Amino acid sequence: MAIIGIESSAHTFGVGIIQNGEILANVKSMYKIGNKGMIPIEVSEHHIQNAADVIKLALDTAKITIKDLKGVGYTKGPGMGPCLQVGQLSAKTLSYRLKIPIAPVNHGVAHVEITKHTQKMKDPLALYVSGGNSQILVLDKNTRKYRILGETFDMGLGNAIDNLARSLGLEHAWGSDVERLAKDGSYIDMPYTVKGMDFSFTGLLTNAIKKLETEKKEDVCYSFQETAFSMLCEATERALLLSKKNELCVCGGVAQNTKLAKMLEEVASENGVRFAKAPNEFNADNGAMIALVAENNIKNNNFEKLENCDVKQRYRIDEVVVYD
């Protein structure tokens, strides 16, 4: 049963195809952000222009035809409204024309589930860190919903890093460029904010941007990373001890940072638990993760009527029933 998944929450229009848990295709087209950030209407225009070609490429990569599709999933949220609507319309069109079931998918759930799937994890504590989200999660076996043990008070860590990159005047304002600069830096003091298992990044970001006036950019990037990642590790270790989980994973766009992964791996090792993260292909926004959750939902008869398929920019992860 081939299921196609469409991801369009932000700068990526991604399409993945899954069949009985096997990833047959995972392709994408990305809007070039540059150093000015994302203007939603411009990003959505990119998605509109590339949607048909990316869907065709996914079908060709999977070596199937459009008639082989038995279901479709799309990112309902969270994300940027105009971008989400392009994926929604694409999925609804496929569902209507092919007469196949359609499953709206929560973007955060998809990040966690693709990590569990690719790394063969059963019941991990998950640190989900992306542009708009930073959350510590466990799956409640009774409700089949993710419980949020800790989260950001203000902004997602990915957005904070991108803001720092733009303040640096980098040609490409990506977290990877901040990580590259940090490798040559030394530590300078920055504000550290953890409250139980919650954390805050706006004060840290403001301080880092201010320090760019007087300090080396390499030192600012290094110190920003060290401080932010230490905050995450402290809160995650506390959650690990309280939840008594024996698996720990990190997922989402910021999970591509090698320094963060190394620090979390040390936390896991010190506490005798298994640590894993998915290949970067699946930590970046992608269609395969949407297809995986859609397949699980459709197999469990959890799909929507076409007229009820909407988008929700602030779609909380703890609202969603999760199937496997």
C-alpha atoms as a PDB file:
ATOM      1  CA  MET A   1       0.000   0.000   0.000  1.00  0.00           C
ATOM      2  CA  ALA A   2       1.910   3.040  -1.257  1.00  0.00           C
ATOM      3  CA  ILE A   3       1.244   6.212   0.741  1.00  0.00           C
ATOM      4  CA  ILE A   4       2.441   9.642  -0.361  1.00  0.00           C
ATOM      5  CA  GLY A   5       3.248  12.348   2.181  1.00  0.00           C
ATOM      6  CA  ILE A   6       3.542  16.084   1.510  1.00  0.00           C
ATOM      7  CA  GLU A   7       5.493  18.433   3.808  1.00  0.00           C
ATOM      8  CA  SER A   8       5.147  22.201   3.270  1.00  0.00           C
ATOM      9  CA  SER A   9       5.230  23.836   6.704  1.00  0.00           C
ATOM     10  CA  ALA A  10       8.125  26.207   5.982  1.00  0.00           C
ATOM     11  CA  HIS A  11      10.905  26.552   3.378  1.00  0.00           C
ATOM     12  CA  THR A  12      10.733  22.953   2.139  1.00  0.00           C
ATOM     13  CA  PHE A  13       8.228  21.362  -0.230  1.00  0.00           C
ATOM     14  CA  GLY A  14       8.971  17.705   0.413  1.00  0.00           C
ATOM     15  CA  VAL A  15       7.338  14.579  -0.921  1.00  0.00           C
ATOM     16  CA  GLY A  16       7.903  11.084   0.417  1.00  0.00           C
ATOM     17  CA  ILE A  17       6.453   7.702  -0.476  1.00  0.00           C
ATOM     18  CA  ILE A  18       6.194   4.833   2.021  1.00  0.00           C
ATOM     19  CA  GLN A  19       5.036   1.280   1.433  1.00  0.00           C
ATOM     20  CA  ASN A  20       4.573  -0.988   4.440  1.00  0.00           C
ATOM     21  CA  GLY A  21       7.131   1.027   6.391  1.00  0.00           C
ATOM     22  CA  GLU A  22       9.718   1.016   3.601  1.00  0.00           C
ATOM     23  CA  ILE A  23      10.818   4.429   2.361  1.00  0.00           C
ATOM     24  CA  LEU A  24      10.585   4.330  -1.433  1.00  0.00           C
ATOM     25  CA  ALA A  25      11.209   8.028  -2.085  1.00  0.00           C
ATOM     26  CA  ASN A  26      12.079  11.202  -0.193  1.00  0.00           C
ATOM     27  CA  VAL A  27      12.626  14.238  -2.411  1.00  0.00           C
ATOM     28  CA  LYS A  28      12.283  17.976  -1.941  1.00  0.00           C
ATOM     29  CA  SER A  29      12.616  21.481  -3.294  1.00  0.00           C
ATOM     30  CA  MET A  30      13.790  24.212  -0.915  1.00  0.00           C
ATOM     31  CA  TYR A  31      13.154  27.934  -1.024  1.00  0.00           C
ATOM     32  CA  LYS A  32      16.451  29.823  -0.882  1.00  0.00           C
ATOM     33  CA  ILE A  33      16.227  31.867   2.302  1.00  0.00           C
ATOM     34  CA  GLY A  34      19.459  33.853   1.987  1.00  0.00           C
ATOM     35  CA  ASN A  35      20.050  36.289   4.845  1.00  0.00           C
ATOM     36  CA  LYS A  36      16.635  37.976   5.003  1.00  0.00           C
ATOM     37  CA  GLY A  37      14.524  35.217   6.539  1.00  0.00           C
ATOM     38  CA  MET A  38      11.278  33.844   5.135  1.00  0.00           C
ATOM     39  CA  ILE A  39       8.377  35.868   3.772  1.00  0.00           C
ATOM     40  CA  PRO A  40       5.501  33.339   3.869  1.00  0.00           C
ATOM     41  CA  ILE A  41       3.781  34.443   0.674  1.00  0.00           C
ATOM     42  CA  GLU A  42       7.055  34.237  -1.278  1.00  0.00           C
ATOM     43  CA  VAL A  43       7.819  30.789   0.133  1.00  0.00           C
ATOM     44  CA  SER A  44       4.326  29.559  -0.729  1.00  0.00           C
ATOM     45  CA  GLU A  45       4.802  30.819  -4.294  1.00  0.00           C
ATOM     46  CA  HIS A  46       7.947  28.674  -4.500  1.00  0.00           C
ATOM     47  CA  HIS A  47       5.939  25.669  -3.314  1.00  0.00           C
ATOM     48  CA  ILE A  48       3.187  26.301  -5.884  1.00  0.00           C
ATOM     49  CA  GLN A  49       5.711  26.499  -8.712  1.00  0.00           C
ATOM     50  CA  ASN A  50       7.516  23.301  -7.701  1.00  0.00           C
ATOM     51  CA  ALA A  51       4.765  21.056  -6.286  1.00  0.00           C
ATOM     52  CA  ALA A  52       3.919  19.137  -9.454  1.00  0.00           C
ATOM     53  CA  ASP A  53       7.561  18.496 -10.351  1.00  0.00           C
ATOM     54  CA  VAL A  54       8.462  17.266  -6.850  1.00  0.00           C
ATOM     55  CA  ILE A  55       5.457  14.906  -6.762  1.00  0.00           C
ATOM     56  CA  LYS A  56       6.447  13.517 -10.168  1.00  0.00           C
ATOM     57  CA  LEU A  57      10.056  13.094  -9.054  1.00  0.00           C
ATOM     58  CA  ALA A  58       8.907  11.175  -5.971  1.00  0.00           C
ATOM     59  CA  LEU A  59       6.797   8.819  -8.080  1.00  0.00           C
ATOM     60  CA  ASP A  60       9.676   8.270 -10.513  1.00  0.00           C
ATOM     61  CA  THR A  61      12.120   7.657  -7.645  1.00  0.00           C
ATOM     62  CA  ALA A  62       9.730   5.130  -6.068  1.00  0.00           C
ATOM     63  CA  LYS A  63       9.255   3.495  -9.501  1.00  0.00           C
ATOM     64  CA  ILE A  64       5.475   3.592  -9.226  1.00  0.00           C
ATOM     65  CA  THR A  65       2.689   5.423 -11.030  1.00  0.00           C
ATOM     66  CA  ILE A  66       0.188   7.795  -9.521  1.00  0.00           C
ATOM     67  CA  LYS A  67      -2.455   5.074  -9.778  1.00  0.00           C
ATOM     68  CA  ASP A  68      -0.461   2.923  -7.337  1.00  0.00           C
ATOM     69  CA  LEU A  69      -1.065   5.401  -4.514  1.00  0.00           C
ATOM     70  CA  LYS A  70      -3.508   4.160  -1.880  1.00  0.00           C
ATOM     71  CA  GLY A  71      -3.454   7.111   0.487  1.00  0.00           C
ATOM     72  CA  VAL A  72      -2.094  10.612   1.019  1.00  0.00           C
ATOM     73  CA  GLY A  73      -0.926  12.593   4.030  1.00  0.00           C
ATOM     74  CA  TYR A  74      -0.076  16.255   4.418  1.00  0.00           C
ATOM     75  CA  THR A  75       1.260  18.558   7.118  1.00  0.00           C
ATOM     76  CA  LYS A  76      -1.707  20.149   8.864  1.00  0.00           C
ATOM     77  CA  GLY A  77       0.558  22.204  11.136  1.00  0.00           C
ATOM     78  CA  PRO A  78       2.274  23.783  12.878  1.00  0.00           C
ATOM     79  CA  GLY A  79       3.816  26.061  10.292  1.00  0.00           C
ATOM     80  CA  MET A  80       3.325  29.103   8.095  1.00  0.00           C
ATOM     81  CA  GLY A  81      -0.270  29.373   6.873  1.00  0.00           C
ATOM     82  CA  PRO A  82       0.287  30.067   3.151  1.00  0.00           C
ATOM     83  CA  CYS A  83       2.899  27.305   2.943  1.00  0.00           C
ATOM     84  CA  LEU A  84       0.720  24.769   4.741  1.00  0.00           C
ATOM     85  CA  GLN A  85      -2.132  25.551   2.364  1.00  0.00           C
ATOM     86  CA  VAL A  86      -0.087  24.572  -0.697  1.00  0.00           C
ATOM     87  CA  GLY A  87       0.550  21.098   0.727  1.00  0.00           C
ATOM     88  CA  GLN A  88      -3.062  20.807   1.866  1.00  0.00           C
ATOM     89  CA  LEU A  89      -4.405  21.669  -1.593  1.00  0.00           C
ATOM     90  CA  SER A  90      -1.962  19.287  -3.286  1.00  0.00           C
ATOM     91  CA  ALA A  91      -3.006  16.437  -0.994  1.00  0.00           C
ATOM     92  CA  LYS A  92      -6.718  17.171  -1.327  1.00  0.00           C
ATOM     93  CA  THR A  93      -6.381  17.202  -5.103  1.00  0.00           C
ATOM     94  CA  LEU A  94      -4.715  13.776  -5.090  1.00  0.00           C
ATOM     95  CA  SER A  95      -7.302  12.405  -2.666  1.00  0.00           C
ATOM     96  CA  TYR A  96     -10.220  13.718  -4.737  1.00  0.00           C
ATOM     97  CA  ARG A  97      -8.941  12.609  -8.122  1.00  0.00           C
ATOM     98  CA  LEU A  98      -7.668   9.192  -7.036  1.00  0.00           C
ATOM     99  CA  LYS A  99     -10.478   8.497  -4.530  1.00  0.00           C
ATOM    100  CA  ILE A 100      -7.941   7.626  -1.818  1.00  0.00           C
ATOM    101  CA  PRO A 101      -8.044   8.368   1.936  1.00  0.00           C
ATOM    102  CA  ILE A 102      -6.346  11.506   3.239  1.00  0.00           C
ATOM    103  CA  ALA A 103      -4.693  11.939   6.641  1.00  0.00           C
ATOM    104  CA  PRO A 104      -3.705  15.321   8.144  1.00  0.00           C
ATOM    105  CA  VAL A 105      -0.402  15.001  10.050  1.00  0.00           C
ATOM    106  CA  ASN A 106       1.180  16.948  12.904  1.00  0.00           C
ATOM    107  CA  HIS A 107       4.668  18.084  11.868  1.00  0.00           C
ATOM    108  CA  GLY A 108       6.216  17.444  15.304  1.00  0.00           C
ATOM    109  CA  VAL A 109       4.736  13.965  15.622  1.00  0.00           C
ATOM    110  CA  ALA A 110       6.212  13.153  12.224  1.00  0.00           C
ATOM    111  CA  HIS A 111       9.719  14.222  13.302  1.00  0.00           C
ATOM    112  CA  VAL A 112       9.604  11.964  16.351  1.00  0.00           C
ATOM    113  CA  GLU A 113       8.023   9.011  14.566  1.00  0.00           C
ATOM    114  CA  ILE A 114      10.481   8.944  11.652  1.00  0.00           C
ATOM    115  CA  THR A 115      13.327   8.941  14.175  1.00  0.00           C
ATOM    116  CA  LYS A 116      11.818   6.062  16.112  1.00  0.00           C
ATOM    117  CA  HIS A 117      11.167   4.202  12.850  1.00  0.00           C
ATOM    118  CA  THR A 118      14.603   4.607  11.280  1.00  0.00           C
ATOM    119  CA  GLN A 119      16.458   3.955  14.557  1.00  0.00           C
ATOM    120  CA  LYS A 120      14.198   1.092  15.686  1.00  0.00           C
ATOM    121  CA  MET A 121      13.357   2.749  18.989  1.00  0.00           C
ATOM    122  CA  LYS A 122      10.387   1.578  21.035  1.00  0.00           C
ATOM    123  CA  ASP A 123       9.559   4.166  23.681  1.00  0.00           C
ATOM    124  CA  PRO A 124      12.177   6.931  23.911  1.00  0.00           C
ATOM    125  CA  LEU A 125      12.301  10.250  25.654  1.00  0.00           C
ATOM    126  CA  ALA A 126      12.416  12.625  22.689  1.00  0.00           C
ATOM    127  CA  LEU A 127      14.049  16.036  22.497  1.00  0.00           C
ATOM    128  CA  TYR A 128      12.389  17.789  19.557  1.00  0.00           C
ATOM    129  CA  VAL A 129      14.297  20.891  18.452  1.00  0.00           C
ATOM    130  CA  SER A 130      13.346  22.725  15.276  1.00  0.00           C
ATOM    131  CA  GLY A 131      12.821  26.251  14.030  1.00  0.00           C
ATOM    132  CA  GLY A 132       9.545  26.862  15.806  1.00  0.00           C
ATOM    133  CA  ASN A 133       9.627  24.202  18.520  1.00  0.00           C
ATOM    134  CA  SER A 134      11.811  23.015  21.375  1.00  0.00           C
ATOM    135  CA  GLN A 135      10.131  20.332  23.470  1.00  0.00           C
ATOM    136  CA  ILE A 136      10.899  17.310  25.658  1.00  0.00           C
ATOM    137  CA  LEU A 137       8.361  14.577  24.944  1.00  0.00           C
ATOM    138  CA  VAL A 138       7.181  11.171  26.115  1.00  0.00           C
ATOM    139  CA  LEU A 139       4.355   9.092  24.661  1.00  0.00           C
ATOM    140  CA  ASP A 140       1.527   8.431  27.125  1.00  0.00           C
ATOM    141  CA  LYS A 141       0.568   4.799  26.564  1.00  0.00           C
ATOM    142  CA  ASN A 142      -2.970   5.325  27.854  1.00  0.00           C
ATOM    143  CA  THR A 143      -3.962   8.308  25.723  1.00  0.00           C
ATOM    144  CA  ARG A 144      -1.534   7.552  22.841  1.00  0.00           C
ATOM    145  CA  LYS A 145      -0.643  11.250  22.870  1.00  0.00           C
ATOM    146  CA  TYR A 146       2.714  12.908  23.469  1.00  0.00           C
ATOM    147  CA  ARG A 147       3.098  14.563  26.856  1.00  0.00           C
ATOM    148  CA  ILE A 148       5.217  17.692  26.936  1.00  0.00           C
ATOM    149  CA  LEU A 149       7.535  17.433  29.949  1.00  0.00           C
ATOM    150  CA  GLY A 150       9.390  20.618  29.094  1.00  0.00           C
ATOM    151  CA  GLU A 151       9.428  23.253  26.374  1.00  0.00           C
ATOM    152  CA  THR A 152      10.582  26.711  25.417  1.00  0.00           C
ATOM    153  CA  PHE A 153       8.933  29.680  27.114  1.00  0.00           C
ATOM    154  CA  ASP A 154       9.373  31.860  24.033  1.00  0.00           C
ATOM    155  CA  MET A 155      10.999  30.875  20.733  1.00  0.00           C
ATOM    156  CA  GLY A 156      12.253  27.657  19.202  1.00  0.00           C
ATOM    157  CA  LEU A 157      16.016  27.162  19.282  1.00  0.00           C
ATOM    158  CA  GLY A 158      16.198  26.895  15.489  1.00  0.00           C
ATOM    159  CA  ASN A 159      14.662  30.343  15.080  1.00  0.00           C
ATOM    160  CA  ALA A 160      17.076  31.750  17.668  1.00  0.00           C
ATOM    161  CA  ILE A 161      20.069  30.307  15.803  1.00  0.00           C
ATOM    162  CA  ASP A 162      18.774  31.620  12.464  1.00  0.00           C
ATOM    163  CA  ASN A 163      18.296  35.069  14.010  1.00  0.00           C
ATOM    164  CA  LEU A 164      21.891  35.000  15.212  1.00  0.00           C
ATOM    165  CA  ALA A 165      23.053  33.960  11.740  1.00  0.00           C
ATOM    166  CA  ARG A 166      21.210  36.910  10.183  1.00  0.00           C
ATOM    167  CA  SER A 167      22.710  39.281  12.754  1.00  0.00           C
ATOM    168  CA  LEU A 168      26.141  38.001  11.707  1.00  0.00           C
ATOM    169  CA  GLY A 169      25.375  39.105   8.146  1.00  0.00           C
ATOM    170  CA  LEU A 170      26.068  35.641   6.765  1.00  0.00           C
ATOM    171  CA  GLU A 171      25.208  35.100   3.111  1.00  0.00           C
ATOM    172  CA  HIS A 172      23.227  32.006   4.046  1.00  0.00           C
ATOM    173  CA  ALA A 173      21.617  32.421   7.461  1.00  0.00           C
ATOM    174  CA  TRP A 174      21.677  28.746   8.449  1.00  0.00           C
ATOM    175  CA  GLY A 175      22.428  27.004  11.707  1.00  0.00           C
ATOM    176  CA  SER A 176      25.190  25.086   9.955  1.00  0.00           C
ATOM    177  CA  ASP A 177      27.087  28.337   9.408  1.00  0.00           C
ATOM    178  CA  VAL A 178      26.825  29.206  13.104  1.00  0.00           C
ATOM    179  CA  GLU A 179      28.098  25.702  13.915  1.00  0.00           C
ATOM    180  CA  ARG A 180      31.028  26.164  11.525  1.00  0.00           C
ATOM    181  CA  LEU A 181      32.064  29.471  13.106  1.00  0.00           C
ATOM    182  CA  ALA A 182      31.679  28.033  16.611  1.00  0.00           C
ATOM    183  CA  LYS A 183      34.430  25.474  15.946  1.00  0.00           C
ATOM    184  CA  ASP A 184      37.046  28.234  16.167  1.00  0.00           C
ATOM    185  CA  GLY A 185      35.578  30.015  19.187  1.00  0.00           C
ATOM    186  CA  SER A 186      36.199  30.264  22.920  1.00  0.00           C
ATOM    187  CA  TYR A 187      33.698  30.622  25.743  1.00  0.00           C
ATOM    188  CA  ILE A 188      32.410  33.972  27.001  1.00  0.00           C
ATOM    189  CA  ASP A 189      29.719  34.279  29.657  1.00  0.00           C
ATOM    190  CA  MET A 190      26.093  34.328  28.486  1.00  0.00           C
ATOM    191  CA  PRO A 191      22.708  34.133  30.298  1.00  0.00           C
ATOM    192  CA  TYR A 192      21.477  30.639  31.140  1.00  0.00           C
ATOM    193  CA  THR A 193      17.743  30.115  31.702  1.00  0.00           C
ATOM    194  CA  VAL A 194      16.273  26.781  32.798  1.00  0.00           C
ATOM    195  CA  LYS A 195      13.157  26.469  34.972  1.00  0.00           C
ATOM    196  CA  GLY A 196      12.641  22.828  35.885  1.00  0.00           C
ATOM    197  CA  MET A 197      12.352  21.227  32.460  1.00  0.00           C
ATOM    198  CA  ASP A 198      11.462  24.441  30.599  1.00  0.00           C
ATOM    199  CA  PHE A 199      13.892  26.856  28.994  1.00  0.00           C
ATOM    200  CA  SER A 200      14.078  30.269  27.342  1.00  0.00           C
ATOM    201  CA  PHE A 201      16.207  31.526  24.449  1.00  0.00           C
ATOM    202  CA  THR A 202      15.258  35.185  23.854  1.00  0.00           C
ATOM    203  CA  GLY A 203      17.522  36.564  26.586  1.00  0.00           C
ATOM    204  CA  LEU A 204      20.400  34.459  25.315  1.00  0.00           C
ATOM    205  CA  LEU A 205      19.808  35.634  21.731  1.00  0.00           C
ATOM    206  CA  THR A 206      19.605  39.303  22.733  1.00  0.00           C
ATOM    207  CA  ASN A 207      22.818  38.986  24.704  1.00  0.00           C
ATOM    208  CA  ALA A 208      24.608  37.219  21.846  1.00  0.00           C
ATOM    209  CA  ILE A 209      23.598  39.855  19.298  1.00  0.00           C
ATOM    210  CA  LYS A 210      24.767  42.611  21.655  1.00  0.00           C
ATOM    211  CA  LYS A 211      28.112  40.875  22.169  1.00  0.00           C
ATOM    212  CA  LEU A 212      28.736  40.886  18.406  1.00  0.00           C
ATOM    213  CA  GLU A 213      29.569  44.591  18.830  1.00  0.00           C
ATOM    214  CA  THR A 214      32.570  43.852  21.039  1.00  0.00           C
ATOM    215  CA  GLU A 215      33.481  40.175  20.755  1.00  0.00           C
ATOM    216  CA  LYS A 216      34.763  37.911  18.001  1.00  0.00           C
ATOM    217  CA  LYS A 217      31.950  36.301  16.022  1.00  0.00           C
ATOM    218  CA  GLU A 218      33.538  32.874  16.529  1.00  0.00           C
ATOM    219  CA  ASP A 219      33.439  33.338  20.310  1.00  0.00           C
ATOM    220  CA  VAL A 220      29.816  34.504  20.207  1.00  0.00           C
ATOM    221  CA  CYS A 221      28.740  31.499  18.114  1.00  0.00           C
ATOM    222  CA  TYR A 222      30.649  29.048  20.314  1.00  0.00           C
ATOM    223  CA  SER A 223      29.259  30.523  23.525  1.00  0.00           C
ATOM    224  CA  PHE A 224      25.711  30.717  22.200  1.00  0.00           C
ATOM    225  CA  GLN A 225      25.807  27.038  21.236  1.00  0.00           C
ATOM    226  CA  GLU A 226      27.459  25.903  24.460  1.00  0.00           C
ATOM    227  CA  THR A 227      24.932  27.784  26.576  1.00  0.00           C
ATOM    228  CA  ALA A 228      21.806  26.811  24.624  1.00  0.00           C
ATOM    229  CA  PHE A 229      22.825  23.168  24.319  1.00  0.00           C
ATOM    230  CA  SER A 230      23.763  22.938  27.995  1.00  0.00           C
ATOM    231  CA  MET A 231      20.320  24.249  28.879  1.00  0.00           C
ATOM    232  CA  LEU A 232      18.719  21.551  26.730  1.00  0.00           C
ATOM    233  CA  CYS A 233      20.947  18.843  28.200  1.00  0.00           C
ATOM    234  CA  GLU A 234      20.166  19.850  31.790  1.00  0.00           C
ATOM    235  CA  ALA A 235      16.409  19.825  31.195  1.00  0.00           C
ATOM    236  CA  THR A 236      16.576  16.610  29.149  1.00  0.00           C
ATOM    237  CA  GLU A 237      18.626  14.793  31.792  1.00  0.00           C
ATOM    238  CA  ARG A 238      16.137  15.850  34.462  1.00  0.00           C
ATOM    239  CA  ALA A 239      13.277  14.515  32.303  1.00  0.00           C
ATOM    240  CA  LEU A 240      15.202  11.317  31.657  1.00  0.00           C
ATOM    241  CA  LEU A 241      15.609  10.666  35.378  1.00  0.00           C
ATOM    242  CA  LEU A 242      11.970  11.451  36.141  1.00  0.00           C
ATOM    243  CA  SER A 243      10.518   9.422  33.252  1.00  0.00           C
ATOM    244  CA  LYS A 244      12.907   6.463  33.763  1.00  0.00           C
ATOM    245  CA  LYS A 245      13.125   5.893  30.009  1.00  0.00           C
ATOM    246  CA  ASN A 246      15.932   3.702  28.691  1.00  0.00           C
ATOM    247  CA  GLU A 247      16.090   5.368  25.263  1.00  0.00           C
ATOM    248  CA  LEU A 248      16.816   8.984  24.297  1.00  0.00           C
ATOM    249  CA  CYS A 249      16.522  10.512  20.856  1.00  0.00           C
ATOM    250  CA  VAL A 250      16.867  13.978  19.370  1.00  0.00           C
ATOM    251  CA  CYS A 251      14.950  15.045  16.279  1.00  0.00           C
ATOM    252  CA  GLY A 252      14.084  18.111  14.223  1.00  0.00           C
ATOM    253  CA  GLY A 253      16.193  20.536  12.240  1.00  0.00           C
ATOM    254  CA  VAL A 254      18.565  21.450  15.077  1.00  0.00           C
ATOM    255  CA  ALA A 255      19.280  17.734  15.614  1.00  0.00           C
ATOM    256  CA  GLN A 256      21.577  18.033  12.595  1.00  0.00           C
ATOM    257  CA  ASN A 257      24.055  19.913  14.803  1.00  0.00           C
ATOM    258  CA  THR A 258      26.896  17.517  15.632  1.00  0.00           C
ATOM    259  CA  LYS A 259      27.834  19.322  18.856  1.00  0.00           C
ATOM    260  CA  LEU A 260      24.314  18.983  20.289  1.00  0.00           C
ATOM    261  CA  ALA A 261      24.204  15.299  19.378  1.00  0.00           C
ATOM    262  CA  LYS A 262      27.561  14.689  21.043  1.00  0.00           C
ATOM    263  CA  MET A 263      26.459  16.410  24.264  1.00  0.00           C
ATOM    264  CA  LEU A 264      23.209  14.435  24.390  1.00  0.00           C
ATOM    265  CA  GLU A 265      25.082  11.214  23.678  1.00  0.00           C
ATOM    266  CA  GLU A 266      27.224  11.940  26.753  1.00  0.00           C
ATOM    267  CA  VAL A 267      24.072  12.518  28.837  1.00  0.00           C
ATOM    268  CA  ALA A 268      22.695   9.190  27.657  1.00  0.00           C
ATOM    269  CA  SER A 269      25.969   7.354  28.313  1.00  0.00           C
ATOM    270  CA  GLU A 270      26.268   8.743  31.841  1.00  0.00           C
ATOM    271  CA  ASN A 271      22.748   7.522  32.594  1.00  0.00           C
ATOM    272  CA  GLY A 272      23.089   4.114  30.939  1.00  0.00           C
ATOM    273  CA  VAL A 273      20.480   4.652  28.222  1.00  0.00           C
ATOM    274  CA  ARG A 274      20.589   4.224  24.467  1.00  0.00           C
ATOM    275  CA  PHE A 275      20.938   7.392  22.368  1.00  0.00           C
ATOM    276  CA  ALA A 276      20.028   7.761  18.700  1.00  0.00           C
ATOM    277  CA  LYS A 277      19.201  10.309  16.061  1.00  0.00           C
ATOM    278  CA  ALA A 278      18.011   9.825  12.494  1.00  0.00           C
ATOM    279  CA  PRO A 279      20.181  10.577   9.468  1.00  0.00           C
ATOM    280  CA  ASN A 280      20.097  14.290   8.668  1.00  0.00           C
ATOM    281  CA  GLU A 281      17.865  13.630   5.659  1.00  0.00           C
ATOM    282  CA  PHE A 282      15.075  12.867   8.129  1.00  0.00           C
ATOM    283  CA  ASN A 283      15.895  15.574  10.685  1.00  0.00           C
ATOM    284  CA  ALA A 284      15.488  18.236   8.031  1.00  0.00           C
ATOM    285  CA  ASP A 285      11.868  18.788   6.990  1.00  0.00           C
ATOM    286  CA  ASN A 286      10.900  15.968   4.636  1.00  0.00           C
ATOM    287  CA  GLY A 287       7.947  14.207   3.064  1.00  0.00           C
ATOM    288  CA  ALA A 288       8.874  10.691   4.171  1.00  0.00           C
ATOM    289  CA  MET A 289       8.061  11.489   7.796  1.00  0.00           C
ATOM    290  CA  ILE A 290       4.610  12.724   6.763  1.00  0.00           C
ATOM    291  CA  ALA A 291       4.029   9.614   4.654  1.00  0.00           C
ATOM    292  CA  LEU A 292       5.036   7.347   7.565  1.00  0.00           C
ATOM    293  CA  VAL A 293       2.546   8.888   9.998  1.00  0.00           C
ATOM    294  CA  ALA A 294      -0.138   8.979   7.314  1.00  0.00           C
ATOM    295  CA  GLU A 295       0.394   5.270   6.611  1.00  0.00           C
ATOM    296  CA  ASN A 296       0.033   4.415  10.296  1.00  0.00           C
ATOM    297  CA  ASN A 297      -3.097   6.553  10.564  1.00  0.00           C
ATOM    298  CA  ILE A 298      -4.741   5.127   7.459  1.00  0.00           C
ATOM    299  CA  LYS A 299      -4.003   1.549   8.547  1.00  0.00           C
ATOM    300  CA  ASN A 300      -5.824   2.368  11.784  1.00  0.00           C
ATOM    301  CA  ASN A 301      -8.759   3.970   9.928  1.00  0.00           C
ATOM    302  CA  ASN A 302      -7.765   7.390  11.246  1.00  0.00           C
ATOM    303  CA  PHE A 303      -8.323   9.627   8.224  1.00  0.00           C
ATOM    304  CA  GLU A 304     -10.528  12.602   7.462  1.00  0.00           C
ATOM    305  CA  LYS A 305     -13.359  13.535   5.165  1.00  0.00           C
ATOM    306  CA  LEU A 306     -12.083  15.794   2.436  1.00  0.00           C
ATOM    307  CA  GLU A 307     -14.165  18.744   3.611  1.00  0.00           C
ATOM    308  CA  ASN A 308     -12.646  18.502   7.107  1.00  0.00           C
ATOM    309  CA  CYS A 309      -9.032  18.663   5.938  1.00  0.00           C
ATOM    310  CA  ASP A 310      -7.814  22.035   7.136  1.00  0.00           C
ATOM    311  CA  VAL A 311      -4.538  23.599   8.277  1.00  0.00           C
ATOM    312  CA  LYS A 312      -3.687  24.791  11.780  1.00  0.00           C
ATOM    313  CA  GLN A 313      -0.695  27.081  12.221  1.00  0.00           C
ATOM    314  CA  ARG A 314      -0.483  26.444  15.986  1.00  0.00           C
ATOM    315  CA  TYR A 315      -1.122  22.709  16.025  1.00  0.00           C
ATOM    316  CA  ARG A 316       0.048  21.378  19.391  1.00  0.00           C
ATOM    317  CA  ILE A 317       1.756  18.006  19.435  1.00  0.00           C
ATOM    318  CA  ASP A 318      -0.131  16.965  22.578  1.00  0.00           C
ATOM    319  CA  GLU A 319      -3.470  17.225  20.732  1.00  0.00           C
ATOM    320  CA  VAL A 320      -2.741  14.264  18.476  1.00  0.00           C
ATOM    321  CA  VAL A 321      -3.395  10.527  18.887  1.00  0.00           C
ATOM    322  CA  VAL A 322      -0.362   8.590  17.649  1.00  0.00           C
ATOM    323  CA  TYR A 323      -0.557   5.196  15.941  1.00  0.00           C
ATOM    324  CA  ASP A 324       2.221   2.752  15.083  1.00  0.00           C
END
